[in-house]
Amino acid sequence: MLDTQTVLDALREVMDPELHRNIVELGMVQDVAVEDGVVRFTLALTTAACPLQGEIAQDARERLLALQGVRDVVITTREMTAQEKQAILGKGQEGGMATPYNHIRHTLAILSGKGGVGKSTVAALLAIALRRKGHTVGILDADITGPSIPKMLLQRHENPYSSPRGILPVQTASGIKVMSINVLLEDPNQAVIWRGPLISGAIKQFYHDVYWGDLDYLLVDLPPGTSDASLTVMQSIPLNGIVMVTTPQSLAGMIVRKASAMASQLGIPIVGVIENMSYVECPDCGHKIELFGPSNSAELAARVGAPLLGRLPLRPELTSLADSGRLEEYTSADFEPIVERLTVLVPEEASHPVAP
């Protein structure tokens, strides 16, 4: 007898190729109706742009036409609601759409406390150096109102795609995965004028709803200071540690100590300190000129209870490469010892932040 139950039983043999579960179990089969040998149902997709919808619909059609008494199959497609996606992908409990499919070994926050110290440049260079060592790497640009990672690493504006497992981050030429508010905007020059709750929500989505896949390192580029964005990252994302970026000025050091106190209060270890813009080398004689005064990085690292990972010079060529999205072309021996120390010092276990 041809009835709704018979139709559902046949459709349980149709598997979603990416989620590896049948479409009935996933809640993708809705509004089933059988009349005069015609089977009608709605196929609810996790994204309207699902590249596999044709394959799924064809499989369903063939299995239903094989049933005795079925002379035609009419399939209507639509995109699932947010609540429906949560129900099948686990967001209703903990995490988000992509959380079950992401396997991130180490997550590091890059924090400066003070703006203008080259924190985002250091974060991008760390990602590049880790990638050159063969690691799989992603960068989450948590600086929602002042994003700069895409400008430095992408030679043209790209928008991410959706998939059944979550938003797909854009990738650089070497394969570094990038998610930033700027890749979501039609115009990268558009201002993001958001209050704290919206910014915090976007950062959580960048972590939980983006399909990062398997990563050795996810670097989270934080905005300067100890505001909502930094607190959101430290309290809602499992971090293996924090890398502090500073410059030789005593003012920068003072702000780093404030940020360090915040990390300590939340129970997140500081993996190390990097001093940026420490000096500039004379192109003729190689003499090091300390433009911003003598380095105090060793003392600062000792004050915050973390090792000094290294001191980085000012390099004029960085500006032109970063401005054209070609930072991955930058080569320097400066980062080799820093990455060597960093990979040894990163804790294997992620922290469990405590309430401030």
Protein backbone atom coordinates (compact mmCIF):
# COMPACT_ATOMS: atom_id res chain seq x y z
CA MET A 1 0.00 0.00 0.00
CA LEU A 2 1.36 3.38 -0.99
CA ASP A 3 1.15 5.77 1.95
CA THR A 4 3.21 8.39 3.78
CA GLN A 5 5.01 5.81 5.91
CA THR A 6 6.08 3.85 2.84
CA VAL A 7 7.44 7.03 1.29
CA LEU A 8 9.39 7.92 4.46
CA ASP A 9 10.83 4.40 4.66
CA ALA A 10 12.11 4.72 1.09
CA LEU A 11 13.59 8.16 1.74
CA ARG A 12 15.47 6.83 4.77
CA GLU A 13 17.74 5.16 2.22
CA VAL A 14 18.76 8.57 0.84
CA MET A 15 21.92 9.83 2.54
CA ASP A 16 23.29 13.36 2.76
CA PRO A 17 26.80 12.85 1.27
CA GLU A 18 28.43 15.34 3.66
CA LEU A 19 26.53 14.77 6.90
CA HIS A 20 26.46 10.98 6.40
CA ARG A 21 22.95 10.65 7.79
CA ASN A 22 19.69 9.93 6.00
CA ILE A 23 17.54 12.87 4.96
CA VAL A 24 14.56 11.79 7.06
CA GLU A 25 16.64 11.61 10.22
CA LEU A 26 18.09 15.03 9.42
CA GLY A 27 14.61 16.56 9.18
CA MET A 28 15.10 17.44 5.52
CA VAL A 29 11.90 15.66 4.39
CA GLN A 30 8.76 17.68 5.11
CA ASP A 31 5.14 18.05 3.96
CA VAL A 32 4.87 14.56 2.45
CA ALA A 33 1.69 13.98 0.46
CA VAL A 34 0.55 11.04 -1.67
CA GLU A 35 -2.33 11.38 -4.13
CA ASP A 36 -3.21 9.38 -7.27
CA GLY A 37 0.27 7.92 -7.56
CA VAL A 38 1.98 11.31 -7.24
CA VAL A 39 4.34 11.79 -4.28
CA ARG A 40 5.02 15.35 -3.22
CA PHE A 41 7.39 16.54 -0.48
CA THR A 42 9.58 19.47 0.51
CA LEU A 43 13.33 18.99 0.67
CA ALA A 44 14.66 21.40 3.34
CA LEU A 45 18.35 22.16 2.76
CA THR A 46 20.87 23.50 5.25
CA THR A 47 21.75 26.16 2.69
CA ALA A 48 19.95 27.32 -0.44
CA ALA A 49 23.28 27.16 -2.29
CA CYS A 50 23.88 23.52 -1.37
CA PRO A 51 25.98 22.07 -4.23
CA LEU A 52 24.66 18.57 -3.51
CA GLN A 53 20.94 19.33 -3.73
CA GLY A 54 20.68 17.92 -7.27
CA GLU A 55 22.35 14.67 -6.23
CA ILE A 56 20.12 14.30 -3.16
CA ALA A 57 16.92 15.10 -5.07
CA GLN A 58 17.78 12.68 -7.88
CA ASP A 59 18.49 9.86 -5.43
CA ALA A 60 15.17 10.53 -3.68
CA ARG A 61 13.28 10.63 -6.97
CA GLU A 62 14.71 7.31 -8.17
CA ARG A 63 13.96 5.51 -4.91
CA LEU A 64 10.37 6.74 -4.87
CA LEU A 65 9.73 5.90 -8.52
CA ALA A 66 10.86 2.36 -7.73
CA LEU A 67 7.91 1.97 -5.32
CA GLN A 68 4.86 0.19 -6.64
CA GLY A 69 2.10 2.64 -7.52
CA VAL A 70 4.28 5.75 -7.87
CA ARG A 71 4.00 7.36 -11.30
CA ASP A 72 5.51 10.79 -10.54
CA VAL A 73 7.53 12.63 -7.86
CA VAL A 74 7.34 16.38 -7.21
CA ILE A 75 10.07 17.83 -5.00
CA THR A 76 10.04 21.42 -3.70
CA THR A 77 13.22 22.79 -2.10
CA ARG A 78 13.69 25.49 0.51
CA GLU A 79 16.34 26.55 3.02
CA MET A 80 16.00 25.47 6.63
CA THR A 81 15.24 28.00 9.33
CA ALA A 82 17.90 28.78 11.94
CA GLN A 83 16.03 26.64 14.47
CA GLU A 84 15.94 23.67 12.08
CA LYS A 85 19.67 23.98 11.43
CA GLN A 86 20.34 24.07 15.17
CA ALA A 87 18.28 20.94 15.69
CA ILE A 88 20.29 18.81 13.23
CA LEU A 89 23.74 20.33 13.67
CA GLY A 90 23.91 20.51 17.45
CA LYS A 91 23.84 24.26 18.05
CA GLY A 92 20.88 23.93 20.35
CA GLN A 93 23.11 22.27 22.93
CA GLU A 94 26.61 23.73 22.82
CA GLY A 95 28.74 25.31 20.14
CA GLY A 96 27.39 26.01 16.67
CA MET A 97 26.70 24.72 13.21
CA ALA A 98 30.28 23.77 12.38
CA THR A 99 31.43 22.78 15.88
CA PRO A 100 30.98 18.99 15.44
CA TYR A 101 33.18 19.04 12.32
CA ASN A 102 36.01 21.27 13.51
CA HIS A 103 39.15 19.72 14.97
CA ILE A 104 41.49 22.49 16.11
CA ARG A 105 44.57 21.36 17.98
CA HIS A 106 45.86 24.74 19.21
CA THR A 107 44.05 28.08 19.46
CA LEU A 108 46.14 31.13 20.25
CA ALA A 109 44.94 34.69 20.83
CA ILE A 110 47.24 37.50 19.65
CA LEU A 111 46.78 40.46 21.99
CA SER A 112 48.48 43.83 22.27
CA GLY A 113 46.51 45.85 24.77
CA LYS A 114 47.50 49.01 22.87
CA GLY A 115 46.78 49.84 19.25
CA GLY A 116 49.43 50.73 16.70
CA VAL A 117 52.03 48.15 17.72
CA GLY A 118 51.64 45.97 14.61
CA LYS A 119 49.70 43.20 16.33
CA SER A 120 47.78 42.16 13.21
CA THR A 121 50.96 42.13 11.14
CA VAL A 122 52.63 39.92 13.74
CA ALA A 123 49.58 37.62 13.77
CA ALA A 124 49.69 37.31 9.98
CA LEU A 125 53.45 36.69 9.96
CA LEU A 126 53.07 34.02 12.65
CA ALA A 127 50.45 32.29 10.51
CA ILE A 128 52.71 32.47 7.45
CA ALA A 129 55.69 31.07 9.36
CA LEU A 130 53.63 28.21 10.82
CA ARG A 131 52.22 27.41 7.38
CA ARG A 132 55.72 27.26 5.89
CA LYS A 133 56.59 24.67 8.50
CA GLY A 134 53.83 22.46 7.13
CA HIS A 135 51.13 23.21 9.71
CA THR A 136 47.49 23.73 8.80
CA VAL A 137 46.64 27.26 9.92
CA GLY A 138 43.63 29.55 10.22
CA ILE A 139 43.23 33.18 11.28
CA LEU A 140 40.08 34.43 12.98
CA ASP A 141 40.03 38.23 12.67
CA ALA A 142 38.24 39.25 15.87
CA ASP A 143 38.88 42.95 15.28
CA ILE A 144 35.36 43.53 13.96
CA THR A 145 35.49 47.32 13.67
CA GLY A 146 39.08 47.50 12.40
CA PRO A 147 39.77 44.33 10.39
CA SER A 148 43.08 44.23 8.54
CA ILE A 149 43.95 40.56 8.02
CA PRO A 150 42.23 40.20 4.60
CA LYS A 151 43.97 43.32 3.28
CA MET A 152 47.38 41.87 4.11
CA LEU A 153 46.84 38.28 2.95
CA LEU A 154 44.34 38.40 0.07
CA GLN A 155 45.19 40.01 -3.25
CA ARG A 156 41.54 40.48 -4.17
CA HIS A 157 38.28 40.81 -2.27
CA GLU A 158 36.64 37.41 -1.77
CA ASN A 159 33.38 36.38 -0.14
CA PRO A 160 33.05 33.05 1.68
CA TYR A 161 30.66 30.30 0.59
CA SER A 162 28.12 28.37 2.64
CA SER A 163 28.19 24.60 3.00
CA PRO A 164 26.12 22.05 4.91
CA ARG A 165 28.84 22.06 7.56
CA GLY A 166 29.04 25.82 7.99
CA ILE A 167 30.58 28.90 6.41
CA LEU A 168 33.72 28.13 4.43
CA PRO A 169 36.56 30.54 5.21
CA VAL A 170 38.44 32.10 2.32
CA GLN A 171 41.97 30.81 1.70
CA THR A 172 45.22 32.58 0.92
CA ALA A 173 47.61 31.51 -1.83
CA SER A 174 49.45 29.18 0.57
CA GLY A 175 46.27 27.73 2.10
CA ILE A 176 45.85 29.79 5.28
CA LYS A 177 42.14 29.90 6.14
CA VAL A 178 40.81 33.38 6.93
CA MET A 179 37.55 34.60 8.42
CA SER A 180 36.96 38.31 8.93
CA ILE A 181 34.02 40.69 8.84
CA ASN A 182 35.63 42.29 5.78
CA VAL A 183 35.21 39.16 3.64
CA LEU A 184 31.48 39.24 4.41
CA LEU A 185 30.99 42.85 3.29
CA GLU A 186 30.23 43.71 -0.32
CA ASP A 187 32.41 46.79 0.05
CA PRO A 188 35.51 46.26 2.23
CA ASN A 189 35.55 50.02 2.93
CA GLN A 190 32.14 49.88 4.58
CA ALA A 191 32.22 50.87 8.24
CA VAL A 192 30.97 48.38 10.84
CA ILE A 193 29.20 50.52 13.44
CA TRP A 194 28.18 47.96 16.03
CA ARG A 195 27.80 47.94 19.78
CA GLY A 196 29.39 45.38 22.07
CA PRO A 197 26.72 42.62 21.97
CA LEU A 198 26.72 42.49 18.16
CA ILE A 199 30.51 42.36 18.06
CA SER A 200 30.58 39.57 20.63
CA GLY A 201 27.96 37.62 18.69
CA ALA A 202 29.92 37.93 15.44
CA ILE A 203 33.12 36.65 17.08
CA LYS A 204 31.31 33.61 18.48
CA GLN A 205 29.85 32.87 15.05
CA PHE A 206 33.30 33.15 13.44
CA TYR A 207 34.46 30.39 15.76
CA HIS A 208 31.42 28.12 16.03
CA ASP A 209 29.68 28.55 12.65
CA VAL A 210 32.73 28.56 10.38
CA TYR A 211 33.84 25.21 9.02
CA TRP A 212 37.55 25.38 9.91
CA GLY A 213 37.99 21.63 9.53
CA ASP A 214 41.26 20.16 10.77
CA LEU A 215 43.73 22.82 11.95
CA ASP A 216 47.01 22.60 13.79
CA TYR A 217 46.79 26.28 14.75
CA LEU A 218 43.97 28.82 14.82
CA LEU A 219 45.26 32.33 15.51
CA VAL A 220 42.71 34.80 16.86
CA ASP A 221 43.69 38.39 16.07
CA LEU A 222 42.15 40.44 18.88
CA PRO A 223 41.44 44.17 18.81
CA PRO A 224 43.59 46.26 21.16
CA GLY A 225 42.56 46.71 24.77
CA THR A 226 40.51 44.76 27.27
CA SER A 227 37.05 45.46 25.88
CA ASP A 228 34.05 43.24 25.07
CA ALA A 229 35.74 41.58 22.10
CA SER A 230 38.75 40.39 24.08
CA LEU A 231 36.56 39.26 26.97
CA THR A 232 34.29 37.35 24.57
CA VAL A 233 37.22 35.48 23.05
CA MET A 234 38.76 34.66 26.40
CA GLN A 235 35.49 33.44 27.90
CA SER A 236 33.83 31.66 24.96
CA ILE A 237 36.68 30.19 22.91
CA PRO A 238 38.93 27.46 24.37
CA LEU A 239 42.41 28.99 24.17
CA ASN A 240 45.70 27.19 24.56
CA GLY A 241 47.34 30.51 25.31
CA ILE A 242 47.96 34.16 24.48
CA VAL A 243 50.83 35.81 22.61
CA MET A 244 51.40 39.41 23.72
CA VAL A 245 52.72 41.99 21.22
CA THR A 246 54.39 45.17 22.38
CA THR A 247 56.86 47.87 21.28
CA PRO A 248 59.79 49.42 23.14
CA GLN A 249 57.83 52.44 24.46
CA SER A 250 57.09 52.29 28.17
CA LEU A 251 53.48 53.30 27.44
CA ALA A 252 52.98 50.17 25.33
CA GLY A 253 54.53 48.10 28.10
CA MET A 254 52.15 49.56 30.67
CA ILE A 255 49.10 48.65 28.55
CA VAL A 256 50.48 45.15 27.98
CA ARG A 257 50.67 44.69 31.72
CA LYS A 258 46.99 45.61 31.97
CA ALA A 259 46.08 43.06 29.30
CA SER A 260 48.28 40.52 31.02
CA ALA A 261 46.41 41.10 34.28
CA MET A 262 43.16 40.42 32.45
CA ALA A 263 44.47 37.13 31.06
CA SER A 264 45.73 36.12 34.49
CA GLN A 265 42.38 36.92 36.08
CA LEU A 266 40.65 34.71 33.51
CA GLY A 267 43.13 31.88 34.00
CA ILE A 268 44.61 31.89 30.48
CA PRO A 269 48.37 31.35 30.15
CA ILE A 270 50.57 33.83 28.29
CA VAL A 271 52.75 31.75 25.99
CA GLY A 272 55.20 34.52 25.28
CA VAL A 273 55.92 38.15 24.43
CA ILE A 274 57.00 39.53 21.05
CA GLU A 275 58.52 43.00 20.82
CA ASN A 276 57.73 44.56 17.46
CA MET A 277 59.41 47.62 15.87
CA SER A 278 62.40 47.11 18.15
CA TYR A 279 64.91 48.67 15.80
CA VAL A 280 65.73 49.45 12.19
CA GLU A 281 68.89 48.25 10.48
CA CYS A 282 71.06 50.63 8.50
CA PRO A 283 71.04 49.29 4.91
CA ASP A 284 74.74 50.23 4.48
CA CYS A 285 76.47 49.11 7.66
CA GLY A 286 73.84 46.96 9.43
CA HIS A 287 73.91 49.10 12.57
CA LYS A 288 70.75 48.74 14.65
CA ILE A 289 69.00 52.02 15.40
CA GLU A 290 66.44 51.93 18.24
CA LEU A 291 63.92 54.46 16.91
CA PHE A 292 61.52 54.07 19.81
CA GLY A 293 64.11 53.92 22.56
CA PRO A 294 65.96 51.08 24.27
CA SER A 295 64.23 47.72 24.45
CA ASN A 296 62.55 46.81 27.72
CA SER A 297 61.06 43.57 26.40
CA ALA A 298 63.05 41.28 28.67
CA GLU A 299 61.93 43.16 31.76
CA LEU A 300 58.34 43.29 30.53
CA ALA A 301 58.27 39.56 29.83
CA ALA A 302 59.59 38.90 33.31
CA ARG A 303 56.89 41.16 34.80
CA VAL A 304 54.09 39.26 33.09
CA GLY A 305 55.68 35.90 33.84
CA ALA A 306 56.20 34.81 30.24
CA PRO A 307 59.23 34.14 28.04
CA LEU A 308 60.42 36.66 25.46
CA LEU A 309 59.85 34.98 22.10
CA GLY A 310 61.84 37.54 20.16
CA ARG A 311 62.38 41.11 18.94
CA LEU A 312 61.32 42.15 15.44
CA PRO A 313 62.82 45.03 13.44
CA LEU A 314 61.03 47.58 11.30
CA ARG A 315 61.09 46.36 7.69
CA PRO A 316 60.03 48.91 5.00
CA GLU A 317 59.17 46.14 2.52
CA LEU A 318 56.46 44.84 4.84
CA THR A 319 54.31 47.88 4.12
CA SER A 320 54.17 47.49 0.35
CA LEU A 321 53.58 43.72 0.56
CA ALA A 322 50.82 44.09 3.15
CA ASP A 323 49.12 46.90 1.23
CA SER A 324 48.87 44.70 -1.88
CA GLY A 325 47.75 41.51 -0.11
CA ARG A 326 51.09 39.82 -0.78
CA LEU A 327 52.44 39.48 2.75
CA GLU A 328 53.02 35.77 2.16
CA GLU A 329 55.85 36.75 -0.18
CA TYR A 330 57.78 38.28 2.73
CA THR A 331 60.85 36.27 3.69
CA SER A 332 62.94 36.90 6.76
CA ALA A 333 64.91 34.88 9.25
CA ASP A 334 63.46 36.97 12.10
CA PHE A 335 60.48 34.67 12.62
CA GLU A 336 62.29 31.33 12.54
CA PRO A 337 63.47 31.33 16.19
CA ILE A 338 60.17 32.85 17.35
CA VAL A 339 58.09 30.07 15.80
CA GLU A 340 60.52 27.43 17.08
CA ARG A 341 60.03 28.68 20.66
CA LEU A 342 56.31 29.15 20.25
CA THR A 343 55.56 25.63 19.03
CA VAL A 344 57.46 24.19 21.99
CA LEU A 345 55.80 26.42 24.60
CA VAL A 346 52.13 26.14 23.53
CA PRO A 347 50.22 24.00 26.07
CA GLU A 348 48.48 20.96 24.63
CA GLU A 349 45.42 21.47 26.80
CA ALA A 350 43.09 24.41 26.23
CA SER A 351 42.26 26.67 29.16
CA HIS A 352 38.92 26.81 30.89
CA PRO A 353 38.34 30.51 31.62
CA VAL A 354 36.99 31.55 34.98
CA ALA A 355 34.58 34.40 35.61
CA PRO A 356 36.34 37.76 36.07
